[in-house]
mmCIF file of all heavy atoms, coordinates in Angstrom:
data_MODEL
# 
_entry.id   MODEL 
# 
loop_
_atom_site.group_PDB 
_atom_site.id 
_atom_site.type_symbol 
_atom_site.label_atom_id 
_atom_site.label_alt_id 
_atom_site.label_comp_id 
_atom_site.label_asym_id 
_atom_site.label_entity_id 
_atom_site.label_seq_id 
_atom_site.pdbx_PDB_ins_code 
_atom_site.Cartn_x 
_atom_site.Cartn_y 
_atom_site.Cartn_z 
_atom_site.occupancy 
_atom_site.B_iso_or_equiv 
_atom_site.pdbx_formal_charge 
_atom_site.auth_seq_id 
_atom_site.auth_comp_id 
_atom_site.auth_asym_id 
_atom_site.auth_atom_id 
_atom_site.pdbx_PDB_model_num 
ATOM 1   N N   . SER A 1 1  ? 82.832  96.439  98.090  1.00 0.00 ? 1  SER A N   1 
ATOM 2   C CA  . SER A 1 1  ? 83.280  97.687  98.720  1.00 0.00 ? 1  SER A CA  1 
ATOM 3   C C   . SER A 1 1  ? 82.436  98.076  99.920  1.00 0.00 ? 1  SER A C   1 
ATOM 4   O O   . SER A 1 1  ? 82.832  98.914  100.719 1.00 0.00 ? 1  SER A O   1 
ATOM 5   C CB  . SER A 1 1  ? 83.250  98.827  97.691  1.00 0.00 ? 1  SER A CB  1 
ATOM 6   O OG  . SER A 1 1  ? 81.944  98.994  97.167  1.00 0.00 ? 1  SER A OG  1 
ATOM 7   N N   . ASP A 1 2  ? 81.233  97.461  100.059 1.00 0.00 ? 2  ASP A N   1 
ATOM 8   C CA  . ASP A 1 2  ? 80.344  97.795  101.165 1.00 0.00 ? 2  ASP A CA  1 
ATOM 9   C C   . ASP A 1 2  ? 80.510  96.870  102.364 1.00 0.00 ? 2  ASP A C   1 
ATOM 10  O O   . ASP A 1 2  ? 79.902  97.098  103.404 1.00 0.00 ? 2  ASP A O   1 
ATOM 11  C CB  . ASP A 1 2  ? 78.880  97.744  100.700 1.00 0.00 ? 2  ASP A CB  1 
ATOM 12  C CG  . ASP A 1 2  ? 78.583  98.808  99.644  1.00 0.00 ? 2  ASP A CG  1 
ATOM 13  O OD1 . ASP A 1 2  ? 79.288  99.836  99.654  1.00 0.00 ? 2  ASP A OD1 1 
ATOM 14  O OD2 . ASP A 1 2  ? 77.673  98.598  98.829  1.00 0.00 ? 2  ASP A OD2 1 
ATOM 15  N N   . LYS A 1 3  ? 81.304  95.825  102.221 1.00 0.00 ? 3  LYS A N   1 
ATOM 16  C CA  . LYS A 1 3  ? 81.462  94.865  103.302 1.00 0.00 ? 3  LYS A CA  1 
ATOM 17  C C   . LYS A 1 3  ? 82.253  95.476  104.458 1.00 0.00 ? 3  LYS A C   1 
ATOM 18  O O   . LYS A 1 3  ? 83.228  96.192  104.249 1.00 0.00 ? 3  LYS A O   1 
ATOM 19  C CB  . LYS A 1 3  ? 82.159  93.606  102.793 1.00 0.00 ? 3  LYS A CB  1 
ATOM 20  C CG  . LYS A 1 3  ? 81.308  92.762  101.866 1.00 0.00 ? 3  LYS A CG  1 
ATOM 21  C CD  . LYS A 1 3  ? 82.009  91.471  101.486 1.00 0.00 ? 3  LYS A CD  1 
ATOM 22  C CE  . LYS A 1 3  ? 81.120  90.602  100.619 1.00 0.00 ? 3  LYS A CE  1 
ATOM 23  N NZ  . LYS A 1 3  ? 81.772  89.335  100.238 1.00 0.00 ? 3  LYS A NZ  1 
ATOM 24  N N   . THR A 1 4  ? 81.818  95.168  105.666 1.00 0.00 ? 4  THR A N   1 
ATOM 25  C CA  . THR A 1 4  ? 82.487  95.683  106.851 1.00 0.00 ? 4  THR A CA  1 
ATOM 26  C C   . THR A 1 4  ? 83.279  94.572  107.530 1.00 0.00 ? 4  THR A C   1 
ATOM 27  O O   . THR A 1 4  ? 82.879  93.410  107.528 1.00 0.00 ? 4  THR A O   1 
ATOM 28  C CB  . THR A 1 4  ? 81.466  96.246  107.856 1.00 0.00 ? 4  THR A CB  1 
ATOM 29  O OG1 . THR A 1 4  ? 80.528  95.211  108.189 1.00 0.00 ? 4  THR A OG1 1 
ATOM 30  C CG2 . THR A 1 4  ? 80.724  97.421  107.261 1.00 0.00 ? 4  THR A CG2 1 
ATOM 31  N N   . THR A 1 5  ? 84.394  94.958  108.105 1.00 0.00 ? 5  THR A N   1 
ATOM 32  C CA  . THR A 1 5  ? 85.251  94.022  108.833 1.00 0.00 ? 5  THR A CA  1 
ATOM 33  C C   . THR A 1 5  ? 85.421  94.528  110.254 1.00 0.00 ? 5  THR A C   1 
ATOM 34  O O   . THR A 1 5  ? 85.857  95.666  110.461 1.00 0.00 ? 5  THR A O   1 
ATOM 35  C CB  . THR A 1 5  ? 86.632  93.901  108.161 1.00 0.00 ? 5  THR A CB  1 
ATOM 36  O OG1 . THR A 1 5  ? 86.472  93.436  106.819 1.00 0.00 ? 5  THR A OG1 1 
ATOM 37  C CG2 . THR A 1 5  ? 87.514  92.923  108.931 1.00 0.00 ? 5  THR A CG2 1 
ATOM 38  N N   . LEU A 1 6  ? 85.052  93.722  111.221 1.00 0.00 ? 6  LEU A N   1 
ATOM 39  C CA  . LEU A 1 6  ? 85.228  94.081  112.626 1.00 0.00 ? 6  LEU A CA  1 
ATOM 40  C C   . LEU A 1 6  ? 86.509  93.436  113.135 1.00 0.00 ? 6  LEU A C   1 
ATOM 41  O O   . LEU A 1 6  ? 86.691  92.217  113.020 1.00 0.00 ? 6  LEU A O   1 
ATOM 42  C CB  . LEU A 1 6  ? 84.036  93.606  113.455 1.00 0.00 ? 6  LEU A CB  1 
ATOM 43  C CG  . LEU A 1 6  ? 84.108  93.942  114.949 1.00 0.00 ? 6  LEU A CG  1 
ATOM 44  C CD1 . LEU A 1 6  ? 84.022  95.447  115.159 1.00 0.00 ? 6  LEU A CD1 1 
ATOM 45  C CD2 . LEU A 1 6  ? 83.015  93.246  115.731 1.00 0.00 ? 6  LEU A CD2 1 
ATOM 46  N N   . ILE A 1 7  ? 87.389  94.241  113.689 1.00 0.00 ? 7  ILE A N   1 
ATOM 47  C CA  . ILE A 1 7  ? 88.681  93.754  114.176 1.00 0.00 ? 7  ILE A CA  1 
ATOM 48  C C   . ILE A 1 7  ? 88.722  93.930  115.690 1.00 0.00 ? 7  ILE A C   1 
ATOM 49  O O   . ILE A 1 7  ? 88.801  95.046  116.203 1.00 0.00 ? 7  ILE A O   1 
ATOM 50  C CB  . ILE A 1 7  ? 89.845  94.517  113.512 1.00 0.00 ? 7  ILE A CB  1 
ATOM 51  C CG1 . ILE A 1 7  ? 89.775  94.357  111.981 1.00 0.00 ? 7  ILE A CG1 1 
ATOM 52  C CG2 . ILE A 1 7  ? 91.185  94.013  114.037 1.00 0.00 ? 7  ILE A CG2 1 
ATOM 53  C CD1 . ILE A 1 7  ? 90.780  95.187  111.230 1.00 0.00 ? 7  ILE A CD1 1 
ATOM 54  N N   . LEU A 1 8  ? 88.651  92.826  116.394 1.00 0.00 ? 8  LEU A N   1 
ATOM 55  C CA  . LEU A 1 8  ? 88.735  92.821  117.859 1.00 0.00 ? 8  LEU A CA  1 
ATOM 56  C C   . LEU A 1 8  ? 90.171  92.456  118.237 1.00 0.00 ? 8  LEU A C   1 
ATOM 57  O O   . LEU A 1 8  ? 90.650  91.365  117.901 1.00 0.00 ? 8  LEU A O   1 
ATOM 58  C CB  . LEU A 1 8  ? 87.749  91.805  118.435 1.00 0.00 ? 8  LEU A CB  1 
ATOM 59  C CG  . LEU A 1 8  ? 87.767  91.609  119.942 1.00 0.00 ? 8  LEU A CG  1 
ATOM 60  C CD1 . LEU A 1 8  ? 87.349  92.887  120.666 1.00 0.00 ? 8  LEU A CD1 1 
ATOM 61  C CD2 . LEU A 1 8  ? 86.854  90.450  120.350 1.00 0.00 ? 8  LEU A CD2 1 
ATOM 62  N N   . HIS A 1 9  ? 90.850  93.344  118.939 1.00 0.00 ? 9  HIS A N   1 
ATOM 63  C CA  . HIS A 1 9  ? 92.287  93.144  119.183 1.00 0.00 ? 9  HIS A CA  1 
ATOM 64  C C   . HIS A 1 9  ? 92.660  93.575  120.590 1.00 0.00 ? 9  HIS A C   1 
ATOM 65  O O   . HIS A 1 9  ? 91.918  94.292  121.275 1.00 0.00 ? 9  HIS A O   1 
ATOM 66  C CB  . HIS A 1 9  ? 93.095  93.949  118.161 1.00 0.00 ? 9  HIS A CB  1 
ATOM 67  C CG  . HIS A 1 9  ? 92.899  95.430  118.277 1.00 0.00 ? 9  HIS A CG  1 
ATOM 68  N ND1 . HIS A 1 9  ? 93.683  96.222  119.097 1.00 0.00 ? 9  HIS A ND1 1 
ATOM 69  C CD2 . HIS A 1 9  ? 91.994  96.272  117.690 1.00 0.00 ? 9  HIS A CD2 1 
ATOM 70  C CE1 . HIS A 1 9  ? 93.274  97.479  119.011 1.00 0.00 ? 9  HIS A CE1 1 
ATOM 71  N NE2 . HIS A 1 9  ? 92.256  97.539  118.169 1.00 0.00 ? 9  HIS A NE2 1 
ATOM 72  N N   . ASP A 1 10 ? 93.850  93.151  121.021 1.00 0.00 ? 10 ASP A N   1 
ATOM 73  C CA  . ASP A 1 10 ? 94.393  93.573  122.315 1.00 0.00 ? 10 ASP A CA  1 
ATOM 74  C C   . ASP A 1 10 ? 95.686  94.366  122.133 1.00 0.00 ? 10 ASP A C   1 
ATOM 75  O O   . ASP A 1 10 ? 96.540  94.402  123.033 1.00 0.00 ? 10 ASP A O   1 
ATOM 76  C CB  . ASP A 1 10 ? 94.625  92.360  123.222 1.00 0.00 ? 10 ASP A CB  1 
ATOM 77  C CG  . ASP A 1 10 ? 95.543  91.314  122.594 1.00 0.00 ? 10 ASP A CG  1 
ATOM 78  O OD1 . ASP A 1 10 ? 96.059  91.562  121.486 1.00 0.00 ? 10 ASP A OD1 1 
ATOM 79  O OD2 . ASP A 1 10 ? 95.747  90.251  123.213 1.00 0.00 ? 10 ASP A OD2 1 
ATOM 80  N N   . LEU A 1 11 ? 95.836  94.992  120.960 1.00 0.00 ? 11 LEU A N   1 
ATOM 81  C CA  . LEU A 1 11 ? 97.020  95.792  120.652 1.00 0.00 ? 11 LEU A CA  1 
ATOM 82  C C   . LEU A 1 11 ? 96.796  97.247  121.035 1.00 0.00 ? 11 LEU A C   1 
ATOM 83  O O   . LEU A 1 11 ? 95.701  97.642  121.441 1.00 0.00 ? 11 LEU A O   1 
ATOM 84  C CB  . LEU A 1 11 ? 97.329  95.702  119.149 1.00 0.00 ? 11 LEU A CB  1 
ATOM 85  C CG  . LEU A 1 11 ? 97.408  94.310  118.520 1.00 0.00 ? 11 LEU A CG  1 
ATOM 86  C CD1 . LEU A 1 11 ? 97.560  94.433  117.013 1.00 0.00 ? 11 LEU A CD1 1 
ATOM 87  C CD2 . LEU A 1 11 ? 98.562  93.521  119.126 1.00 0.00 ? 11 LEU A CD2 1 
ATOM 88  N N   . GLU A 1 12 ? 97.837  98.045  120.875 1.00 0.00 ? 12 GLU A N   1 
ATOM 89  C CA  . GLU A 1 12 ? 97.666  99.487  120.964 1.00 0.00 ? 12 GLU A CA  1 
ATOM 90  C C   . GLU A 1 12 ? 96.842  99.940  119.758 1.00 0.00 ? 12 GLU A C   1 
ATOM 91  O O   . GLU A 1 12 ? 97.034  99.428  118.649 1.00 0.00 ? 12 GLU A O   1 
ATOM 92  C CB  . GLU A 1 12 ? 99.025  100.196 120.977 1.00 0.00 ? 12 GLU A CB  1 
ATOM 93  C CG  . GLU A 1 12 ? 99.832  99.961  122.246 1.00 0.00 ? 12 GLU A CG  1 
ATOM 94  C CD  . GLU A 1 12 ? 99.158  100.563 123.461 1.00 0.00 ? 12 GLU A CD  1 
ATOM 95  O OE1 . GLU A 1 12 ? 98.501  101.620 123.319 1.00 0.00 ? 12 GLU A OE1 1 
ATOM 96  O OE2 . GLU A 1 12 ? 99.282  99.980  124.550 1.00 0.00 ? 12 GLU A OE2 1 
ATOM 97  N N   . PRO A 1 13 ? 95.929  100.882 119.935 1.00 0.00 ? 13 PRO A N   1 
ATOM 98  C CA  . PRO A 1 13 ? 95.050  101.294 118.830 1.00 0.00 ? 13 PRO A CA  1 
ATOM 99  C C   . PRO A 1 13 ? 95.795  101.678 117.560 1.00 0.00 ? 13 PRO A C   1 
ATOM 100 O O   . PRO A 1 13 ? 95.413  101.266 116.450 1.00 0.00 ? 13 PRO A O   1 
ATOM 101 C CB  . PRO A 1 13 ? 94.284  102.487 119.420 1.00 0.00 ? 13 PRO A CB  1 
ATOM 102 C CG  . PRO A 1 13 ? 94.261  102.213 120.890 1.00 0.00 ? 13 PRO A CG  1 
ATOM 103 C CD  . PRO A 1 13 ? 95.573  101.564 121.199 1.00 0.00 ? 13 PRO A CD  1 
ATOM 104 N N   . GLU A 1 14 ? 96.864  102.444 117.677 1.00 0.00 ? 14 GLU A N   1 
ATOM 105 C CA  . GLU A 1 14 ? 97.609  102.873 116.494 1.00 0.00 ? 14 GLU A CA  1 
ATOM 106 C C   . GLU A 1 14 ? 98.297  101.696 115.814 1.00 0.00 ? 14 GLU A C   1 
ATOM 107 O O   . GLU A 1 14 ? 98.385  101.630 114.579 1.00 0.00 ? 14 GLU A O   1 
ATOM 108 C CB  . GLU A 1 14 ? 98.629  103.948 116.873 1.00 0.00 ? 14 GLU A CB  1 
ATOM 109 C CG  . GLU A 1 14 ? 98.014  105.288 117.225 1.00 0.00 ? 14 GLU A CG  1 
ATOM 110 C CD  . GLU A 1 14 ? 97.196  105.851 116.068 1.00 0.00 ? 14 GLU A CD  1 
ATOM 111 O OE1 . GLU A 1 14 ? 97.617  105.694 114.895 1.00 0.00 ? 14 GLU A OE1 1 
ATOM 112 O OE2 . GLU A 1 14 ? 96.126  106.421 116.324 1.00 0.00 ? 14 GLU A OE2 1 
ATOM 113 N N   . ALA A 1 15 ? 98.804  100.778 116.620 1.00 0.00 ? 15 ALA A N   1 
ATOM 114 C CA  . ALA A 1 15 ? 99.465  99.598  116.053 1.00 0.00 ? 15 ALA A CA  1 
ATOM 115 C C   . ALA A 1 15 ? 98.477  98.756  115.263 1.00 0.00 ? 15 ALA A C   1 
ATOM 116 O O   . ALA A 1 15 ? 98.789  98.244  114.175 1.00 0.00 ? 15 ALA A O   1 
ATOM 117 C CB  . ALA A 1 15 ? 100.096 98.769  117.173 1.00 0.00 ? 15 ALA A CB  1 
ATOM 118 N N   . ALA A 1 16 ? 97.262  98.611  115.778 1.00 0.00 ? 16 ALA A N   1 
ATOM 119 C CA  . ALA A 1 16 ? 96.241  97.821  115.070 1.00 0.00 ? 16 ALA A CA  1 
ATOM 120 C C   . ALA A 1 16 ? 95.871  98.477  113.745 1.00 0.00 ? 16 ALA A C   1 
ATOM 121 O O   . ALA A 1 16 ? 95.733  97.802  112.715 1.00 0.00 ? 16 ALA A O   1 
ATOM 122 C CB  . ALA A 1 16 ? 95.011  97.663  115.954 1.00 0.00 ? 16 ALA A CB  1 
ATOM 123 N N   . ARG A 1 17 ? 95.702  99.795  113.757 1.00 0.00 ? 17 ARG A N   1 
ATOM 124 C CA  . ARG A 1 17 ? 95.349  100.497 112.515 1.00 0.00 ? 17 ARG A CA  1 
ATOM 125 C C   . ARG A 1 17 ? 96.478  100.420 111.494 1.00 0.00 ? 17 ARG A C   1 
ATOM 126 O O   . ARG A 1 17 ? 96.230  100.375 110.282 1.00 0.00 ? 17 ARG A O   1 
ATOM 127 C CB  . ARG A 1 17 ? 95.006  101.955 112.830 1.00 0.00 ? 17 ARG A CB  1 
ATOM 128 C CG  . ARG A 1 17 ? 93.742  102.106 113.665 1.00 0.00 ? 17 ARG A CG  1 
ATOM 129 C CD  . ARG A 1 17 ? 93.375  103.556 113.897 1.00 0.00 ? 17 ARG A CD  1 
ATOM 130 N NE  . ARG A 1 17 ? 92.203  103.675 114.740 1.00 0.00 ? 17 ARG A NE  1 
ATOM 131 C CZ  . ARG A 1 17 ? 90.951  103.580 114.305 1.00 0.00 ? 17 ARG A CZ  1 
ATOM 132 N NH1 . ARG A 1 17 ? 90.721  103.378 113.019 1.00 0.00 ? 17 ARG A NH1 1 
ATOM 133 N NH2 . ARG A 1 17 ? 89.938  103.677 115.140 1.00 0.00 ? 17 ARG A NH2 1 
ATOM 134 N N   . ASN A 1 18 ? 97.697  100.411 111.963 1.00 0.00 ? 18 ASN A N   1 
ATOM 135 C CA  . ASN A 1 18 ? 98.834  100.297 111.046 1.00 0.00 ? 18 ASN A CA  1 
ATOM 136 C C   . ASN A 1 18 ? 98.896  98.898  110.424 1.00 0.00 ? 18 ASN A C   1 
ATOM 137 O O   . ASN A 1 18 ? 99.164  98.751  109.225 1.00 0.00 ? 18 ASN A O   1 
ATOM 138 C CB  . ASN A 1 18 ? 100.125 100.598 111.800 1.00 0.00 ? 18 ASN A CB  1 
ATOM 139 C CG  . ASN A 1 18 ? 101.343 100.477 110.897 1.00 0.00 ? 18 ASN A CG  1 
ATOM 140 O OD1 . ASN A 1 18 ? 101.400 101.073 109.824 1.00 0.00 ? 18 ASN A OD1 1 
ATOM 141 N ND2 . ASN A 1 18 ? 102.322 99.690  111.326 1.00 0.00 ? 18 ASN A ND2 1 
ATOM 142 N N   . VAL A 1 19 ? 98.624  97.866  111.210 1.00 0.00 ? 19 VAL A N   1 
ATOM 143 C CA  . VAL A 1 19 ? 98.691  96.489  110.714 1.00 0.00 ? 19 VAL A CA  1 
ATOM 144 C C   . VAL A 1 19 ? 97.613  96.229  109.669 1.00 0.00 ? 19 VAL A C   1 
ATOM 145 O O   . VAL A 1 19 ? 97.850  95.584  108.645 1.00 0.00 ? 19 VAL A O   1 
ATOM 146 C CB  . VAL A 1 19 ? 98.560  95.498  111.886 1.00 0.00 ? 19 VAL A CB  1 
ATOM 147 C CG1 . VAL A 1 19 ? 98.370  94.078  111.361 1.00 0.00 ? 19 VAL A CG1 1 
ATOM 148 C CG2 . VAL A 1 19 ? 99.799  95.559  112.779 1.00 0.00 ? 19 VAL A CG2 1 
ATOM 149 N N   . PHE A 1 20 ? 96.394  96.744  109.909 1.00 0.00 ? 20 PHE A N   1 
ATOM 150 C CA  . PHE A 1 20 ? 95.262  96.467  109.021 1.00 0.00 ? 20 PHE A CA  1 
ATOM 151 C C   . PHE A 1 20 ? 94.864  97.696  108.198 1.00 0.00 ? 20 PHE A C   1 
ATOM 152 O O   . PHE A 1 20 ? 93.690  97.893  107.898 1.00 0.00 ? 20 PHE A O   1 
ATOM 153 C CB  . PHE A 1 20 ? 94.072  95.987  109.846 1.00 0.00 ? 20 PHE A CB  1 
ATOM 154 C CG  . PHE A 1 20 ? 94.304  94.694  110.560 1.00 0.00 ? 20 PHE A CG  1 
ATOM 155 C CD1 . PHE A 1 20 ? 94.672  94.689  111.905 1.00 0.00 ? 20 PHE A CD1 1 
ATOM 156 C CD2 . PHE A 1 20 ? 94.198  93.485  109.896 1.00 0.00 ? 20 PHE A CD2 1 
ATOM 157 C CE1 . PHE A 1 20 ? 94.890  93.498  112.577 1.00 0.00 ? 20 PHE A CE1 1 
ATOM 158 C CE2 . PHE A 1 20 ? 94.423  92.286  110.558 1.00 0.00 ? 20 PHE A CE2 1 
ATOM 159 C CZ  . PHE A 1 20 ? 94.774  92.292  111.900 1.00 0.00 ? 20 PHE A CZ  1 
ATOM 160 N N   . SER A 1 21 ? 95.833  98.494  107.834 1.00 0.00 ? 21 SER A N   1 
ATOM 161 C CA  . SER A 1 21 ? 95.556  99.733  107.087 1.00 0.00 ? 21 SER A CA  1 
ATOM 162 C C   . SER A 1 21 ? 95.016  99.464  105.689 1.00 0.00 ? 21 SER A C   1 
ATOM 163 O O   . SER A 1 21 ? 94.370  100.335 105.092 1.00 0.00 ? 21 SER A O   1 
ATOM 164 C CB  . SER A 1 21 ? 96.827  100.584 106.996 1.00 0.00 ? 21 SER A CB  1 
ATOM 165 O OG  . SER A 1 21 ? 97.875  99.852  106.356 1.00 0.00 ? 21 SER A OG  1 
ATOM 166 N N   . ASN A 1 22 ? 95.269  98.276  105.152 1.00 0.00 ? 22 ASN A N   1 
ATOM 167 C CA  . ASN A 1 22 ? 94.832  97.967  103.780 1.00 0.00 ? 22 ASN A CA  1 
ATOM 168 C C   . ASN A 1 22 ? 93.419  97.399  103.710 1.00 0.00 ? 22 ASN A C   1 
ATOM 169 O O   . ASN A 1 22 ? 92.912  97.136  102.616 1.00 0.00 ? 22 ASN A O   1 
ATOM 170 C CB  . ASN A 1 22 ? 95.801  96.968  103.131 1.00 0.00 ? 22 ASN A CB  1 
ATOM 171 C CG  . ASN A 1 22 ? 97.182  97.572  102.923 1.00 0.00 ? 22 ASN A CG  1 
ATOM 172 O OD1 . ASN A 1 22 ? 97.321  98.776  102.735 1.00 0.00 ? 22 ASN A OD1 1 
ATOM 173 N ND2 . ASN A 1 22 ? 98.204  96.728  102.972 1.00 0.00 ? 22 ASN A ND2 1 
ATOM 174 N N   . ILE A 1 23 ? 92.774  97.202  104.860 1.00 0.00 ? 23 ILE A N   1 
ATOM 175 C CA  . ILE A 1 23 ? 91.422  96.638  104.867 1.00 0.00 ? 23 ILE A CA  1 
ATOM 176 C C   . ILE A 1 23 ? 90.404  97.769  104.840 1.00 0.00 ? 23 ILE A C   1 
ATOM 177 O O   . ILE A 1 23 ? 90.362  98.597  105.766 1.00 0.00 ? 23 ILE A O   1 
ATOM 178 C CB  . ILE A 1 23 ? 91.195  95.749  106.099 1.00 0.00 ? 23 ILE A CB  1 
ATOM 179 C CG1 . ILE A 1 23 ? 92.129  94.544  106.054 1.00 0.00 ? 23 ILE A CG1 1 
ATOM 180 C CG2 . ILE A 1 23 ? 89.742  95.290  106.187 1.00 0.00 ? 23 ILE A CG2 1 
ATOM 181 C CD1 . ILE A 1 23 ? 91.955  93.583  107.204 1.00 0.00 ? 23 ILE A CD1 1 
ATOM 182 N N   . PRO A 1 24 ? 89.562  97.850  103.798 1.00 0.00 ? 24 PRO A N   1 
ATOM 183 C CA  . PRO A 1 24 ? 88.556  98.919  103.731 1.00 0.00 ? 24 PRO A CA  1 
ATOM 184 C C   . PRO A 1 24 ? 87.392  98.657  104.687 1.00 0.00 ? 24 PRO A C   1 
ATOM 185 O O   . PRO A 1 24 ? 87.093  97.513  105.031 1.00 0.00 ? 24 PRO A O   1 
ATOM 186 C CB  . PRO A 1 24 ? 88.090  98.867  102.268 1.00 0.00 ? 24 PRO A CB  1 
ATOM 187 C CG  . PRO A 1 24 ? 88.311  97.435  101.866 1.00 0.00 ? 24 PRO A CG  1 
ATOM 188 C CD  . PRO A 1 24 ? 89.529  96.967  102.626 1.00 0.00 ? 24 PRO A CD  1 
ATOM 189 N N   . ASN A 1 25 ? 86.749  99.737  105.120 1.00 0.00 ? 25 ASN A N   1 
ATOM 190 C CA  . ASN A 1 25 ? 85.567  99.648  105.992 1.00 0.00 ? 25 ASN A CA  1 
ATOM 191 C C   . ASN A 1 25 ? 85.824  98.832  107.255 1.00 0.00 ? 25 ASN A C   1 
ATOM 192 O O   . ASN A 1 25 ? 84.969  98.069  107.707 1.00 0.00 ? 25 ASN A O   1 
ATOM 193 C CB  . ASN A 1 25 ? 84.374  99.051  105.233 1.00 0.00 ? 25 ASN A CB  1 
ATOM 194 C CG  . ASN A 1 25 ? 83.981  99.871  104.027 1.00 0.00 ? 25 ASN A CG  1 
ATOM 195 O OD1 . ASN A 1 25 ? 84.121  101.088 104.010 1.00 0.00 ? 25 ASN A OD1 1 
ATOM 196 N ND2 . ASN A 1 25 ? 83.485  99.211  102.994 1.00 0.00 ? 25 ASN A ND2 1 
# 
């Protein structure tokens, strides 16, 4: 639960958050 995931993307910010909404931290 403490692991962090960095997502580097070229999408619209809201679209990226919607796609990876199930990833914690």
